[in-house]
Amino acid sequence: MSVTLIFKIAAVGILVSVLSQVLKHSGREEQAFLTSLAGLLIVLFWIIPYVYDLFEMMQNLFML
């Protein structure tokens, strides 16, 4: 896993939290929830290949 991925995740987290707070204070709680959900899905799509590689590595390790 590279450091750039960690910075991307942090940037998405900061952006989503700011947008969520702005939307909540303007009375749009539903859109704030959808923004948070979209940010979570983006990060999950970035992390899924690394989790898949981890499971493959563990499977190969125990197959010996």
N, C-alpha and C. Protein backbone atom coordinates (compact mmCIF):
# COMPACT_ATOMS: atom_id res chain seq x y z
N MET A 1 0.86 -1.18 0.00
CA MET A 1 0.00 0.00 0.00
C MET A 1 0.90 1.24 0.00
N SER A 2 0.59 2.16 -0.84
CA SER A 2 1.42 3.34 -0.95
C SER A 2 0.90 4.47 -0.06
N VAL A 3 1.77 5.41 0.17
CA VAL A 3 1.40 6.55 1.02
C VAL A 3 0.39 7.44 0.31
N THR A 4 0.42 7.45 -1.02
CA THR A 4 -0.53 8.30 -1.74
C THR A 4 -1.96 7.85 -1.52
N LEU A 5 -2.17 6.54 -1.35
CA LEU A 5 -3.52 6.04 -1.07
C LEU A 5 -4.01 6.56 0.28
N ILE A 6 -3.13 6.59 1.25
CA ILE A 6 -3.50 7.10 2.58
C ILE A 6 -3.85 8.58 2.49
N PHE A 7 -3.09 9.34 1.71
CA PHE A 7 -3.40 10.76 1.54
C PHE A 7 -4.72 10.96 0.79
N LYS A 8 -5.01 10.11 -0.19
CA LYS A 8 -6.28 10.20 -0.90
C LYS A 8 -7.44 9.92 0.03
N ILE A 9 -7.31 8.91 0.88
CA ILE A 9 -8.36 8.58 1.83
C ILE A 9 -8.57 9.73 2.82
N ALA A 10 -7.48 10.31 3.27
CA ALA A 10 -7.59 11.44 4.20
C ALA A 10 -8.26 12.63 3.52
N ALA A 11 -7.91 12.89 2.27
CA ALA A 11 -8.53 14.01 1.54
C ALA A 11 -10.02 13.80 1.35
N VAL A 12 -10.41 12.57 1.01
CA VAL A 12 -11.84 12.28 0.85
C VAL A 12 -12.54 12.43 2.19
N GLY A 13 -11.92 11.97 3.26
CA GLY A 13 -12.52 12.10 4.59
C GLY A 13 -12.73 13.55 4.99
N ILE A 14 -11.74 14.39 4.75
CA ILE A 14 -11.86 15.81 5.08
C ILE A 14 -12.94 16.47 4.24
N LEU A 15 -12.93 16.18 2.94
CA LEU A 15 -13.91 16.77 2.04
C LEU A 15 -15.33 16.34 2.39
N VAL A 16 -15.51 15.08 2.68
CA VAL A 16 -16.85 14.57 3.03
C VAL A 16 -17.32 15.16 4.35
N SER A 17 -16.43 15.28 5.31
CA SER A 17 -16.86 15.84 6.60
C SER A 17 -17.24 17.31 6.48
N VAL A 18 -16.51 18.07 5.69
CA VAL A 18 -16.86 19.48 5.50
C VAL A 18 -18.19 19.61 4.77
N LEU A 19 -18.34 18.84 3.68
CA LEU A 19 -19.60 18.90 2.94
C LEU A 19 -20.78 18.44 3.80
N SER A 20 -20.56 17.43 4.59
CA SER A 20 -21.63 16.93 5.45
C SER A 20 -22.05 17.98 6.48
N GLN A 21 -21.09 18.64 7.07
CA GLN A 21 -21.42 19.68 8.06
C GLN A 21 -22.15 20.85 7.42
N VAL A 22 -21.72 21.25 6.23
CA VAL A 22 -22.39 22.36 5.54
C VAL A 22 -23.82 21.97 5.19
N LEU A 23 -24.00 20.75 4.71
CA LEU A 23 -25.35 20.32 4.35
C LEU A 23 -26.24 20.16 5.58
N LYS A 24 -25.68 19.68 6.68
CA LYS A 24 -26.49 19.53 7.90
C LYS A 24 -26.93 20.88 8.44
N HIS A 25 -26.05 21.87 8.40
CA HIS A 25 -26.40 23.19 8.92
C HIS A 25 -27.38 23.93 8.01
N SER A 26 -27.45 23.52 6.76
CA SER A 26 -28.42 24.15 5.87
C SER A 26 -29.75 23.40 5.84
N GLY A 27 -29.86 22.35 6.66
CA GLY A 27 -31.12 21.64 6.78
C GLY A 27 -31.31 20.52 5.78
N ARG A 28 -30.25 20.05 5.19
CA ARG A 28 -30.35 18.97 4.20
C ARG A 28 -29.66 17.72 4.73
N GLU A 29 -30.28 17.13 5.74
CA GLU A 29 -29.69 15.96 6.39
C GLU A 29 -29.62 14.75 5.46
N GLU A 30 -30.63 14.60 4.61
CA GLU A 30 -30.63 13.46 3.69
C GLU A 30 -29.46 13.53 2.71
N GLN A 31 -29.21 14.70 2.18
CA GLN A 31 -28.10 14.86 1.24
C GLN A 31 -26.76 14.72 1.96
N ALA A 32 -26.70 15.12 3.22
CA ALA A 32 -25.48 14.94 4.00
C ALA A 32 -25.20 13.46 4.20
N PHE A 33 -26.25 12.69 4.46
CA PHE A 33 -26.09 11.25 4.61
C PHE A 33 -25.62 10.61 3.31
N LEU A 34 -26.21 11.02 2.19
CA LEU A 34 -25.81 10.47 0.89
C LEU A 34 -24.38 10.85 0.54
N THR A 35 -23.95 12.03 0.94
CA THR A 35 -22.57 12.45 0.72
C THR A 35 -21.61 11.56 1.52
N SER A 36 -21.96 11.30 2.75
CA SER A 36 -21.13 10.42 3.57
C SER A 36 -21.08 9.01 3.00
N LEU A 37 -22.21 8.52 2.54
CA LEU A 37 -22.27 7.19 1.94
C LEU A 37 -21.44 7.12 0.66
N ALA A 38 -21.50 8.15 -0.15
CA ALA A 38 -20.71 8.19 -1.38
C ALA A 38 -19.21 8.20 -1.07
N GLY A 39 -18.81 8.96 -0.07
CA GLY A 39 -17.40 8.97 0.33
C GLY A 39 -16.93 7.61 0.82
N LEU A 40 -17.78 6.94 1.58
CA LEU A 40 -17.44 5.60 2.06
C LEU A 40 -17.30 4.62 0.91
N LEU A 41 -18.19 4.68 -0.05
CA LEU A 41 -18.12 3.78 -1.20
C LEU A 41 -16.88 4.03 -2.05
N ILE A 42 -16.51 5.28 -2.23
CA ILE A 42 -15.31 5.60 -2.99
C ILE A 42 -14.08 4.99 -2.33
N VAL A 43 -13.97 5.17 -1.02
CA VAL A 43 -12.82 4.63 -0.29
C VAL A 43 -12.83 3.10 -0.32
N LEU A 44 -14.00 2.48 -0.20
CA LEU A 44 -14.07 1.02 -0.27
C LEU A 44 -13.62 0.50 -1.63
N PHE A 45 -14.00 1.18 -2.70
CA PHE A 45 -13.56 0.74 -4.02
C PHE A 45 -12.05 0.87 -4.19
N TRP A 46 -11.44 1.82 -3.50
CA TRP A 46 -9.98 1.95 -3.56
C TRP A 46 -9.29 0.86 -2.76
N ILE A 47 -9.91 0.41 -1.67
CA ILE A 47 -9.26 -0.53 -0.75
C ILE A 47 -9.51 -1.99 -1.14
N ILE A 48 -10.59 -2.28 -1.84
CA ILE A 48 -10.93 -3.67 -2.15
C ILE A 48 -9.80 -4.43 -2.84
N PRO A 49 -9.09 -3.87 -3.82
CA PRO A 49 -7.98 -4.64 -4.43
C PRO A 49 -6.89 -5.02 -3.43
N TYR A 50 -6.61 -4.16 -2.48
CA TYR A 50 -5.59 -4.47 -1.48
C TYR A 50 -6.06 -5.58 -0.54
N VAL A 51 -7.33 -5.58 -0.19
CA VAL A 51 -7.87 -6.64 0.66
C VAL A 51 -7.85 -7.96 -0.09
N TYR A 52 -8.17 -7.93 -1.37
CA TYR A 52 -8.13 -9.14 -2.19
C TYR A 52 -6.70 -9.70 -2.26
N ASP A 53 -5.74 -8.83 -2.47
CA ASP A 53 -4.34 -9.27 -2.49
C ASP A 53 -3.91 -9.85 -1.15
N LEU A 54 -4.39 -9.28 -0.07
CA LEU A 54 -4.06 -9.79 1.26
C LEU A 54 -4.61 -11.20 1.44
N PHE A 55 -5.86 -11.43 1.03
CA PHE A 55 -6.44 -12.76 1.17
C PHE A 55 -5.73 -13.78 0.28
N GLU A 56 -5.34 -13.37 -0.93
CA GLU A 56 -4.58 -14.28 -1.79
C GLU A 56 -3.23 -14.62 -1.18
N MET A 57 -2.58 -13.64 -0.60
CA MET A 57 -1.28 -13.87 0.04
C MET A 57 -1.42 -14.82 1.22
N MET A 58 -2.47 -14.64 2.01
CA MET A 58 -2.68 -15.53 3.16
C MET A 58 -3.01 -16.95 2.69
N GLN A 59 -3.78 -17.06 1.62
CA GLN A 59 -4.11 -18.38 1.08
C GLN A 59 -2.85 -19.08 0.57
N ASN A 60 -2.00 -18.37 -0.14
CA ASN A 60 -0.76 -18.95 -0.62
C ASN A 60 0.19 -19.30 0.51
N LEU A 61 0.16 -18.54 1.57
CA LEU A 61 1.03 -18.81 2.72
C LEU A 61 0.65 -20.11 3.41
N PHE A 62 -0.64 -20.36 3.56
CA PHE A 62 -1.08 -21.55 4.27
C PHE A 62 -1.18 -22.79 3.38
N MET A 63 -1.08 -22.61 2.06
CA MET A 63 -1.10 -23.78 1.17
C MET A 63 0.25 -24.48 1.16
N LEU A 64 1.30 -23.73 1.32
CA LEU A 64 2.67 -24.25 1.33
C LEU A 64 2.80 -25.36 0.33
